[in-house]
Amino acid sequence: MATTIDLTTLSLEHLDAIIADVQVERERRRALATDEALMKIHEIAEAAGLSLSELVKLERTHKRSKVPVKYRNPANSEQGWSGRGKRPRWIEEALSQGKTLESLLVG
């Protein structure tokens, strides 16, 4: 349901007023969505026999296991990369110099 408005005919003041109204409406909807999500979480927690604070505590105590380093920078052994996420700059530089990922593997 797209509404087309010829914005070229509006004054700066009118455009600023529209922007302000849109921002207020966006925040109102975000707050409503947050409230709805929180209610759903409360319902799920209650169905599981838990409180929301217990769920938050469980989330805080759940830690991700550390992924071991798979690649090591030969010029600086303190720099390593697990192979996950964005490649570090040193990897990109090594590859641009003709090295391969296999040559950077931890022995």
Foldseek 3Di string as FASTA:
>chain_A
DDDDDDCVPDDPVVVVVVVVVVVVVVVVVVVVVVVVVVVVVQVVQVVVVHGPVVVVVVVVVDDDDDQDFFFAQPVDRVDTDNPDDDDDPSVVVCVVVPDDRVVRTDD
